[in-house]
Amino acid sequence: MADNAPHAGPQAGPQTGPLFDTFSRAPLRFERGEGVWLITETGERYLDFGAGVAVTSVGHSHPHMVDAIKTQAEKVWHLSNLYEVAGQEVLAQRLTDATFADKVFFTNSGAEALECAIKTARRYHYTHGHPEKFRIITFEGAFHGRTLATIAAGGQAKYLEGFGPKVEGFDQVPFGDLEALKAAITPETAALLIEPIQGEGGIRPVELEFLRALRALCEEHGLLLIFDEVQTGVGRTGKFFAYEWSGVAPDIMAVAKGIGGGFPFGACLATAEAASGMTAGVHGTTYGGNPLAMACGNAVLDIVLADDFLQHVRDVTLIFRQGLASLKDRYPDVIEDIRGEGLLLGVKAKVPSTDLLLAMRAEHLLGVPAGDNVIRLLPPLVVTAEEAREGLARLEKAAEALTTKLAKSA
């Protein structure tokens, strides 16, 4: 779920100039942000329910974040992992105290966190005398990143095309199909890798019972369970991490996006046993865990782990769920379904999702496209009840405009 979607939606800008032509960008230039709002160079205000694809978890220009990065910037920016970094020790301890994990490896991105998770699982079996156990089972519709290994893990043809042979060692099974999963396990299987909620795949939650079944299968077959919580983590679903809803924990977990609040970094979390093969020299990073990133990460946790913050996320979620259910009932020709947990929400459109995104943008409301004709609503976790209702009102205007358009074309 280390999502870096290449298509920003309709009305993309021209592919000219010195940049790679890998993004279809919306014709919007934002100059600054305030909380859940983005302001363009011309002063237009947009309600940001995309949050940089679930990244700006505590909103734009949060005073505590600004103070943390300014303070650290006046000290030291980069050291590399040749030396001890105090912020790493603090943040790693906070993460392990608040989760299943005993060990943390800091990265620059979600894709790198997944790469570390994959290597950790393979190395575990290698050091335990089973080098043949290197294959990882994943699920159709998944998105795990843009590196050669993570596009192989995701298994989607549109991301694999043109990059040579698929990296060996990944087996996809149908989403939610337990029997297919059981049949896919072989003596070479090392781990299972899953997003608790598929993000880019269309905001498809995995049944909690299925996650519990995965844990049982791993115990039965001596496999490691890897959760990709790049998009679902750090309060996004109303728990610190989404695995908490299931009552079972992974052995390894990839984290990014919201953990930096806008600063690019990620982490691979693991139990001491799962990480036992990751000894000195077998993995590394130049930038990962740099002092600026650690200052941001610790500041995010100051906010997200504060008393009542996650309860606030759950309370605002109820406003969204009730409002979205009402819109679905009143605009059935536009909205087919509502999906997701917490503030990781998906509106499955009855019309082309690009039409809905355009109509939202006309109301100065931002969302994020996903697979299965879905628009993601990913507001910053600090969104207030009033801001939630304002967003719903703008979404209603967009749905009304599309309904009117459909009536005229009938």
Protein backbone atom coordinates (compact mmCIF):
# COMPACT_ATOMS: atom_id res chain seq x y z
CA MET A 1 0.00 0.00 0.00
CA ALA A 2 2.94 2.30 -0.52
CA ASP A 3 0.78 4.18 -2.98
CA ASN A 4 2.35 6.59 -5.45
CA ALA A 5 -0.46 6.63 -7.97
CA PRO A 6 0.60 8.05 -11.36
CA HIS A 7 -2.79 9.36 -12.39
CA ALA A 8 -4.06 12.37 -10.49
CA GLY A 9 -7.35 12.24 -12.36
CA PRO A 10 -9.03 14.21 -15.12
CA GLN A 11 -7.87 17.46 -16.69
CA ALA A 12 -4.22 16.54 -16.42
CA GLY A 13 -1.60 19.07 -17.29
CA PRO A 14 0.48 18.88 -20.47
CA GLN A 15 3.45 16.51 -20.51
CA THR A 16 6.16 19.03 -21.32
CA GLY A 17 9.27 20.45 -19.71
CA PRO A 18 12.22 18.87 -17.90
CA LEU A 19 10.26 16.45 -15.66
CA PHE A 20 9.72 12.77 -16.44
CA ASP A 21 6.29 12.32 -17.99
CA THR A 22 5.24 9.75 -15.37
CA PHE A 23 2.51 11.78 -13.64
CA SER A 24 -0.77 13.12 -14.97
CA ARG A 25 -1.09 16.08 -12.67
CA ALA A 26 -4.22 18.10 -11.98
CA PRO A 27 -3.91 21.72 -13.12
CA LEU A 28 -3.68 23.08 -9.57
CA ARG A 29 -0.74 24.83 -7.88
CA PHE A 30 -0.96 25.03 -4.11
CA GLU A 31 1.14 27.61 -2.33
CA ARG A 32 0.39 26.83 1.30
CA GLY A 33 -1.75 24.76 3.62
CA GLU A 34 -3.61 25.35 6.87
CA GLY A 35 -4.99 22.35 8.73
CA VAL A 36 -7.37 20.59 6.32
CA TRP A 37 -7.17 23.39 3.73
CA LEU A 38 -4.91 23.98 0.74
CA ILE A 39 -4.59 27.43 -0.80
CA THR A 40 -3.59 27.99 -4.43
CA GLU A 41 -1.22 30.63 -5.75
CA THR A 42 -4.28 32.72 -6.64
CA GLY A 43 -5.81 32.39 -3.17
CA GLU A 44 -8.49 29.77 -3.84
CA ARG A 45 -9.14 27.51 -0.84
CA TYR A 46 -9.67 23.76 -1.29
CA LEU A 47 -10.85 21.34 1.38
CA ASP A 48 -8.16 18.67 1.31
CA PHE A 49 -9.73 15.24 1.72
CA GLY A 50 -6.77 13.63 0.00
CA ALA A 51 -4.08 14.59 2.51
CA GLY A 52 -1.32 13.86 -0.01
CA VAL A 53 -2.63 10.27 -0.27
CA ALA A 54 -3.05 9.79 3.50
CA VAL A 55 0.29 11.44 4.32
CA THR A 56 -0.53 14.75 6.03
CA SER A 57 -2.02 12.94 9.00
CA VAL A 58 -2.07 15.90 11.36
CA GLY A 59 -2.91 18.49 8.72
CA HIS A 60 -0.92 21.15 6.94
CA SER A 61 1.47 23.37 8.92
CA HIS A 62 0.52 21.96 12.31
CA PRO A 63 2.24 24.28 14.83
CA HIS A 64 3.80 21.40 16.77
CA MET A 65 5.21 19.90 13.56
CA VAL A 66 6.53 23.26 12.38
CA ASP A 67 8.22 23.87 15.72
CA ALA A 68 9.75 20.37 15.79
CA ILE A 69 11.30 20.60 12.34
CA LYS A 70 12.52 24.20 12.87
CA THR A 71 14.17 23.24 16.14
CA GLN A 72 15.88 20.21 14.61
CA ALA A 73 16.90 22.09 11.46
CA GLU A 74 18.89 24.49 13.60
CA LYS A 75 20.87 21.57 15.06
CA VAL A 76 21.72 18.84 12.52
CA TRP A 77 19.91 17.51 9.45
CA HIS A 78 21.83 14.42 8.44
CA LEU A 79 24.27 12.07 10.13
CA SER A 80 23.86 8.71 8.36
CA ASN A 81 23.68 5.46 10.29
CA LEU A 82 27.42 5.44 10.87
CA TYR A 83 26.55 7.07 14.20
CA GLU A 84 23.90 6.82 16.86
CA VAL A 85 20.87 9.02 16.26
CA ALA A 86 19.07 9.87 19.49
CA GLY A 87 15.76 10.56 17.76
CA GLN A 88 15.76 7.05 16.29
CA GLU A 89 16.10 5.49 19.72
CA VAL A 90 13.27 7.58 21.11
CA LEU A 91 10.91 6.98 18.19
CA ALA A 92 11.69 3.27 17.95
CA GLN A 93 11.00 2.84 21.66
CA ARG A 94 7.68 4.66 21.36
CA LEU A 95 6.67 2.52 18.40
CA THR A 96 7.60 -0.74 20.08
CA ASP A 97 5.88 0.30 23.31
CA ALA A 98 2.66 1.01 21.40
CA THR A 99 2.67 -2.05 19.09
CA PHE A 100 3.44 -5.77 18.85
CA ALA A 101 7.00 -5.03 17.67
CA ASP A 102 10.38 -5.30 19.38
CA LYS A 103 12.57 -3.92 16.58
CA VAL A 104 12.36 -1.03 14.08
CA PHE A 105 14.27 -0.20 10.89
CA PHE A 106 13.74 3.32 9.54
CA THR A 107 13.42 3.92 5.80
CA ASN A 108 12.72 6.81 3.40
CA SER A 109 9.41 5.55 2.01
CA GLY A 110 6.69 2.94 2.14
CA ALA A 111 8.14 0.96 -0.74
CA GLU A 112 11.45 0.74 1.09
CA ALA A 113 9.65 -0.34 4.26
CA LEU A 114 8.09 -3.16 2.21
CA GLU A 115 11.47 -4.08 0.74
CA CYS A 116 12.84 -4.32 4.27
CA ALA A 117 9.86 -6.44 5.33
CA ILE A 118 10.39 -8.82 2.41
CA LYS A 119 14.10 -9.12 3.11
CA THR A 120 13.45 -9.62 6.83
CA ALA A 121 11.10 -12.53 6.13
CA ARG A 122 13.44 -14.21 3.66
CA ARG A 123 16.47 -13.70 5.88
CA TYR A 124 14.64 -15.18 8.87
CA HIS A 125 14.14 -18.51 7.10
CA TYR A 126 17.66 -18.44 5.66
CA THR A 127 19.26 -18.05 9.07
CA HIS A 128 17.00 -20.77 10.47
CA GLY A 129 18.31 -23.30 7.99
CA HIS A 130 15.61 -23.01 5.33
CA PRO A 131 17.04 -21.00 2.41
CA GLU A 132 14.46 -22.65 0.15
CA LYS A 133 11.70 -20.70 1.93
CA PHE A 134 11.69 -17.39 0.08
CA ARG A 135 8.30 -17.14 -1.63
CA ILE A 136 5.67 -14.72 -0.37
CA ILE A 137 1.94 -15.04 -1.03
CA THR A 138 0.07 -11.80 -1.76
CA PHE A 139 -3.49 -10.96 -2.82
CA GLU A 140 -4.96 -9.78 -6.10
CA GLY A 141 -5.72 -6.07 -6.14
CA ALA A 142 -2.86 -5.27 -3.77
CA PHE A 143 -0.48 -2.35 -4.09
CA HIS A 144 2.82 -2.53 -2.23
CA GLY A 145 5.01 0.06 -3.99
CA ARG A 146 6.94 0.90 -7.15
CA THR A 147 10.25 -0.92 -6.79
CA LEU A 148 10.86 -4.00 -8.90
CA ALA A 149 10.19 -6.27 -5.91
CA THR A 150 7.09 -4.46 -4.70
CA ILE A 151 5.43 -4.30 -8.13
CA ALA A 152 6.03 -8.06 -8.31
CA ALA A 153 4.45 -8.40 -4.87
CA GLY A 154 1.42 -6.40 -6.02
CA GLY A 155 1.23 -8.47 -9.19
CA GLN A 156 -0.78 -5.95 -11.22
CA ALA A 157 0.00 -6.14 -14.93
CA LYS A 158 -0.31 -2.38 -15.47
CA TYR A 159 2.59 -1.77 -13.10
CA LEU A 160 4.71 -4.71 -14.29
CA GLU A 161 4.52 -4.06 -18.02
CA GLY A 162 7.73 -3.02 -19.72
CA PHE A 163 10.13 -3.60 -16.83
CA GLY A 164 11.48 -6.98 -17.81
CA PRO A 165 10.96 -10.31 -16.07
CA LYS A 166 8.89 -10.17 -12.92
CA VAL A 167 10.99 -10.50 -9.77
CA GLU A 168 10.79 -14.13 -8.65
CA GLY A 169 9.25 -15.20 -5.38
CA PHE A 170 5.71 -13.81 -5.27
CA ASP A 171 2.47 -15.75 -5.68
CA GLN A 172 -0.90 -13.99 -5.92
CA VAL A 173 -4.19 -15.52 -4.82
CA PRO A 174 -7.72 -14.08 -5.15
CA PHE A 175 -8.71 -11.47 -2.57
CA GLY A 176 -10.40 -13.07 0.42
CA ASP A 177 -10.17 -16.65 -0.92
CA LEU A 178 -8.97 -18.75 2.01
CA GLU A 179 -9.07 -22.06 0.15
CA ALA A 180 -6.97 -20.68 -2.72
CA LEU A 181 -4.53 -19.37 -0.14
CA LYS A 182 -4.22 -22.75 1.54
CA ALA A 183 -3.63 -24.40 -1.82
CA ALA A 184 -0.89 -21.91 -2.68
CA ILE A 185 1.25 -22.68 0.38
CA THR A 186 4.25 -24.81 -0.54
CA PRO A 187 7.52 -25.85 1.16
CA GLU A 188 9.04 -22.72 -0.42
CA THR A 189 6.55 -20.31 1.17
CA ALA A 190 8.15 -17.93 3.65
CA ALA A 191 5.40 -15.45 4.45
CA LEU A 192 1.97 -13.99 3.73
CA LEU A 193 1.74 -10.27 2.88
CA ILE A 194 -1.51 -8.34 3.07
CA GLU A 195 -2.99 -4.85 3.44
CA PRO A 196 -5.68 -4.87 6.17
CA ILE A 197 -7.56 -2.55 3.80
CA GLN A 198 -6.58 -2.39 0.15
CA GLY A 199 -6.07 1.28 -0.63
CA GLU A 200 -5.13 1.74 -4.28
CA GLY A 201 -7.15 -1.40 -4.96
CA GLY A 202 -10.38 0.42 -4.13
CA ILE A 203 -10.70 0.70 -0.31
CA ARG A 204 -11.49 -2.99 0.15
CA PRO A 205 -11.37 -4.00 3.82
CA VAL A 206 -10.20 -7.52 4.61
CA GLU A 207 -12.64 -9.38 6.85
CA LEU A 208 -11.30 -9.53 10.40
CA GLU A 209 -11.97 -13.25 10.53
CA PHE A 210 -9.82 -13.67 7.42
CA LEU A 211 -6.93 -11.86 9.12
CA ARG A 212 -7.32 -14.18 12.09
CA ALA A 213 -7.29 -17.15 9.73
CA LEU A 214 -4.02 -15.90 8.23
CA ARG A 215 -2.46 -15.79 11.67
CA ALA A 216 -3.55 -19.37 12.31
CA LEU A 217 -2.16 -20.54 8.94
CA CYS A 218 1.17 -18.91 9.69
CA GLU A 219 1.36 -20.68 13.02
CA GLU A 220 0.41 -23.99 11.40
CA HIS A 221 2.95 -23.80 8.59
CA GLY A 222 5.79 -21.87 10.24
CA LEU A 223 5.28 -18.77 8.10
CA LEU A 224 5.69 -15.09 8.89
CA LEU A 225 2.72 -12.74 8.65
CA ILE A 226 3.48 -9.32 7.10
CA PHE A 227 1.01 -6.47 7.25
CA ASP A 228 1.35 -3.54 4.86
CA GLU A 229 0.05 -0.66 7.01
CA VAL A 230 1.59 2.10 4.94
CA GLN A 231 -1.85 3.63 4.32
CA THR A 232 -3.89 2.15 7.19
CA GLY A 233 -1.50 2.98 10.04
CA VAL A 234 -0.88 5.81 12.50
CA GLY A 235 -4.51 6.38 13.47
CA ARG A 236 -6.05 6.32 10.00
CA THR A 237 -8.67 3.66 10.89
CA GLY A 238 -9.33 4.91 14.45
CA LYS A 239 -6.78 2.59 16.04
CA PHE A 240 -3.04 3.32 16.12
CA PHE A 241 -2.67 0.49 13.60
CA ALA A 242 -5.43 -1.35 11.77
CA TYR A 243 -4.27 -4.81 12.89
CA GLU A 244 -5.57 -3.95 16.37
CA TRP A 245 -9.17 -4.30 15.17
CA SER A 246 -8.58 -8.01 14.41
CA GLY A 247 -7.14 -9.03 17.76
CA VAL A 248 -4.12 -10.64 16.08
CA ALA A 249 -0.73 -9.16 15.31
CA PRO A 250 1.68 -9.61 12.41
CA ASP A 251 5.31 -10.63 12.75
CA ILE A 252 6.47 -7.82 10.46
CA MET A 253 4.77 -4.56 9.51
CA ALA A 254 5.56 -1.86 6.94
CA VAL A 255 4.69 1.72 7.91
CA ALA A 256 5.01 5.10 6.15
CA LYS A 257 2.75 7.94 4.94
CA GLY A 258 1.06 9.33 8.07
CA ILE A 259 3.98 8.59 10.36
CA GLY A 260 5.90 11.56 8.97
CA GLY A 261 2.99 13.97 8.74
CA GLY A 262 4.31 15.09 5.35
CA PHE A 263 8.02 14.44 5.82
CA PRO A 264 9.07 11.42 3.74
CA PHE A 265 9.98 8.45 5.85
CA GLY A 266 8.81 4.97 6.73
CA ALA A 267 9.62 2.10 9.04
CA CYS A 268 9.68 -1.67 9.16
CA LEU A 269 8.54 -3.04 12.51
CA ALA A 270 9.10 -6.64 13.59
CA THR A 271 9.20 -8.97 16.54
CA ALA A 272 12.66 -9.82 17.82
CA GLU A 273 12.26 -13.35 16.46
CA ALA A 274 11.22 -12.23 12.98
CA ALA A 275 14.09 -9.73 12.86
CA SER A 276 16.67 -12.20 14.15
CA GLY A 277 18.25 -12.66 10.73
CA MET A 278 18.80 -8.93 10.17
CA THR A 279 22.29 -8.73 11.59
CA ALA A 280 25.05 -6.16 11.02
CA GLY A 281 25.73 -5.47 7.35
CA VAL A 282 22.84 -7.38 5.75
CA HIS A 283 20.68 -4.29 5.16
CA GLY A 284 21.22 -0.55 5.23
CA THR A 285 20.16 2.95 4.28
CA THR A 286 21.91 6.29 3.88
CA TYR A 287 19.04 8.67 4.62
CA GLY A 288 16.73 6.43 6.62
CA GLY A 289 16.18 7.62 10.17
CA ASN A 290 17.84 11.00 9.67
CA PRO A 291 17.39 13.56 12.47
CA LEU A 292 14.84 15.67 10.57
CA ALA A 293 12.66 12.63 9.91
CA MET A 294 12.88 11.52 13.51
CA ALA A 295 11.87 14.97 14.75
CA CYS A 296 8.79 14.82 12.53
CA GLY A 297 7.93 11.27 13.54
CA ASN A 298 8.18 12.01 17.23
CA ALA A 299 6.05 15.14 16.76
CA VAL A 300 3.37 13.11 14.95
CA LEU A 301 3.28 10.59 17.79
CA ASP A 302 3.01 13.43 20.32
CA ILE A 303 -0.26 14.32 18.60
CA VAL A 304 -1.67 10.93 17.58
CA LEU A 305 -0.89 9.16 20.87
CA ALA A 306 -2.25 12.00 23.01
CA ASP A 307 -5.25 11.21 25.19
CA ASP A 308 -8.54 11.11 23.26
CA PHE A 309 -7.00 11.73 19.81
CA LEU A 310 -7.94 8.32 18.40
CA GLN A 311 -11.37 8.67 20.00
CA HIS A 312 -11.69 11.93 18.07
CA VAL A 313 -10.92 10.04 14.85
CA ARG A 314 -13.62 7.49 15.65
CA ASP A 315 -16.13 10.21 16.54
CA VAL A 316 -15.58 12.13 13.30
CA THR A 317 -15.76 8.85 11.40
CA LEU A 318 -19.37 8.45 12.55
CA ILE A 319 -20.25 11.83 11.04
CA PHE A 320 -18.69 10.80 7.75
CA ARG A 321 -20.33 7.37 7.69
CA GLN A 322 -23.79 8.73 8.43
CA GLY A 323 -23.45 11.55 5.91
CA LEU A 324 -22.06 9.30 3.18
CA ALA A 325 -24.80 6.71 3.75
CA SER A 326 -27.38 9.47 3.32
CA LEU A 327 -25.75 10.65 0.09
CA LYS A 328 -25.71 7.09 -1.24
CA ASP A 329 -29.44 6.80 -0.57
CA ARG A 330 -30.29 10.16 -2.12
CA TYR A 331 -27.99 9.95 -5.17
CA PRO A 332 -28.13 6.31 -6.26
CA ASP A 333 -27.28 7.19 -9.86
CA VAL A 334 -23.97 8.71 -8.73
CA ILE A 335 -22.91 6.76 -5.63
CA GLU A 336 -23.00 2.97 -5.66
CA ASP A 337 -21.32 2.09 -2.37
CA ILE A 338 -19.42 3.43 0.63
CA ARG A 339 -16.38 1.54 1.88
CA GLY A 340 -13.59 1.69 4.43
CA GLU A 341 -12.84 2.15 8.11
CA GLY A 342 -12.10 5.26 10.11
CA LEU A 343 -10.92 8.12 7.92
CA LEU A 344 -9.85 5.73 5.15
CA LEU A 345 -13.07 5.98 3.16
CA GLY A 346 -14.01 5.11 -0.39
CA VAL A 347 -16.92 6.27 -2.52
CA LYS A 348 -17.56 3.73 -5.27
CA ALA A 349 -19.11 5.73 -8.07
CA LYS A 350 -21.96 4.67 -10.34
CA VAL A 351 -20.71 7.19 -12.90
CA PRO A 352 -17.07 7.18 -14.05
CA SER A 353 -15.03 8.04 -10.97
CA THR A 354 -13.17 10.70 -12.95
CA ASP A 355 -16.49 12.51 -13.43
CA LEU A 356 -17.10 12.46 -9.69
CA LEU A 357 -13.57 13.70 -8.99
CA LEU A 358 -14.05 16.58 -11.43
CA ALA A 359 -17.39 17.49 -9.86
CA MET A 360 -15.80 17.45 -6.40
CA ARG A 361 -12.95 19.61 -7.60
CA ALA A 362 -15.45 22.10 -8.99
CA GLU A 363 -16.74 22.42 -5.41
CA HIS A 364 -13.16 22.90 -4.17
CA LEU A 365 -13.11 19.47 -2.52
CA LEU A 366 -10.11 17.18 -3.11
CA GLY A 367 -10.12 13.38 -3.14
CA VAL A 368 -7.85 10.64 -4.47
CA PRO A 369 -8.72 8.16 -7.25
CA ALA A 370 -8.34 4.44 -6.64
CA GLY A 371 -9.11 1.19 -8.41
CA ASP A 372 -12.58 -0.30 -8.87
CA ASN A 373 -14.05 3.11 -9.82
CA VAL A 374 -13.54 4.47 -6.31
CA ILE A 375 -12.66 7.93 -5.00
CA ARG A 376 -10.78 7.90 -1.71
CA LEU A 377 -11.66 10.36 1.05
CA LEU A 378 -8.60 10.65 3.31
CA PRO A 379 -8.93 13.83 5.36
CA PRO A 380 -6.23 14.76 7.85
CA LEU A 381 -6.98 13.08 11.17
CA VAL A 382 -7.37 16.47 12.83
CA VAL A 383 -10.48 17.21 10.74
CA THR A 384 -13.24 18.69 12.92
CA ALA A 385 -16.92 17.77 12.94
CA GLU A 386 -17.69 21.11 11.28
CA GLU A 387 -15.11 20.49 8.55
CA ALA A 388 -16.47 16.98 8.02
CA ARG A 389 -19.95 18.38 7.48
CA GLU A 390 -18.58 21.04 5.13
CA GLY A 391 -16.89 18.32 3.07
CA LEU A 392 -20.08 16.28 2.96
CA ALA A 393 -22.02 19.37 1.83
CA ARG A 394 -19.55 19.90 -1.01
CA LEU A 395 -19.75 16.24 -1.98
CA GLU A 396 -23.54 16.57 -2.05
CA LYS A 397 -23.28 19.53 -4.42
CA ALA A 398 -21.03 17.47 -6.66
CA ALA A 399 -23.50 14.57 -6.63
CA GLU A 400 -26.38 16.94 -7.32
CA ALA A 401 -24.55 18.43 -10.30
CA LEU A 402 -23.87 14.99 -11.75
CA THR A 403 -27.50 13.90 -11.17
CA THR A 404 -28.71 16.98 -13.03
CA LYS A 405 -26.29 16.27 -15.86
CA LEU A 406 -27.48 12.68 -16.10
CA ALA A 407 -31.12 13.81 -16.20
CA LYS A 408 -30.42 16.21 -19.02
CA SER A 409 -28.65 13.56 -21.07
CA ALA A 410 -31.37 10.94 -20.56
